[in-house]
């Protein structure tokens, strides 16, 4: 259940990325939103490796965890 919630959170953060992260420009947001949107609309949250990979490559910062 914990893994399901964490995976859901990853997909949700990809679908609705924070607006205050200045490193994420429009094409990066759109790419994450596209990949996450497919999973979000199909209710498929298991193993979101492509979203985690993009967040790691682009150094996505989550304000609720890391702050600014």
Protein backbone atom coordinates (compact mmCIF):
# COMPACT_ATOMS: atom_id res chain seq x y z
CA UNK A 1 0.00 0.00 0.00
CA UNK A 2 2.87 2.38 0.79
CA UNK A 3 4.48 1.69 -2.59
CA UNK A 4 1.14 2.36 -4.30
CA UNK A 5 0.83 5.73 -2.57
CA UNK A 6 4.42 6.72 -3.40
CA UNK A 7 3.99 5.72 -7.04
CA UNK A 8 0.71 7.64 -7.20
CA UNK A 9 2.47 10.68 -5.75
CA UNK A 10 5.22 10.41 -8.39
CA UNK A 11 2.66 10.28 -11.21
CA UNK A 12 0.69 13.14 -9.68
CA UNK A 13 3.83 15.30 -9.29
CA UNK A 14 4.64 14.61 -12.92
CA UNK A 15 1.13 15.49 -14.09
CA UNK A 16 0.96 18.65 -11.98
CA UNK A 17 4.58 19.85 -11.64
CA UNK A 18 5.28 22.76 -9.35
CA UNK A 19 5.17 26.18 -10.97
CA UNK A 20 7.85 27.61 -8.68
CA UNK A 21 10.72 25.45 -9.98
CA UNK A 22 12.48 27.79 -12.41
CA UNK A 23 14.62 25.00 -13.90
CA UNK A 24 11.58 23.35 -15.46
CA UNK A 25 10.83 25.17 -18.65
CA UNK A 26 7.74 24.67 -20.77
CA UNK A 27 8.97 21.75 -22.93
CA UNK A 28 10.15 19.83 -19.85
CA UNK A 29 6.81 20.40 -18.10
CA UNK A 30 4.92 19.28 -21.20
CA UNK A 31 7.02 16.11 -21.55
CA UNK A 32 6.49 15.14 -17.91
CA UNK A 33 2.81 15.99 -18.16
CA UNK A 34 2.41 13.87 -21.30
CA UNK A 35 4.05 10.79 -19.79
CA UNK A 36 2.28 11.19 -16.47
CA UNK A 37 -1.03 11.97 -18.13
CA UNK A 38 -1.12 8.61 -19.85
CA UNK A 39 -0.62 6.83 -16.55
CA UNK A 40 -2.95 9.15 -14.63
CA UNK A 41 -5.87 8.75 -17.04
CA UNK A 42 -5.46 4.97 -17.24
CA UNK A 43 -5.10 4.63 -13.44
CA UNK A 44 -1.80 2.80 -13.90
CA UNK A 45 0.58 3.86 -11.14
CA UNK A 46 2.89 0.86 -10.82
CA UNK A 47 6.60 1.32 -11.59
CA UNK A 48 6.69 4.92 -12.92
CA UNK A 49 10.36 4.58 -13.85
CA UNK A 50 10.26 6.98 -16.82
CA UNK A 51 8.84 9.77 -14.66
CA UNK A 52 11.37 9.16 -11.90
CA UNK A 53 14.16 9.15 -14.48
CA UNK A 54 13.06 12.51 -15.92
CA UNK A 55 12.72 13.99 -12.43
CA UNK A 56 16.21 12.82 -11.58
CA UNK A 57 17.80 14.03 -14.84
CA UNK A 58 16.12 17.44 -14.64
CA UNK A 59 16.69 17.70 -10.86
CA UNK A 60 13.02 18.26 -10.12
CA UNK A 61 12.52 19.84 -6.71
CA UNK A 62 9.43 19.08 -4.69
CA UNK A 63 8.65 22.11 -2.52
CA UNK A 64 6.71 20.05 0.03
CA UNK A 65 9.84 17.99 0.73
CA UNK A 66 12.85 20.14 -0.13
CA UNK A 67 11.63 23.71 0.00
CA UNK A 68 13.25 26.50 -1.99
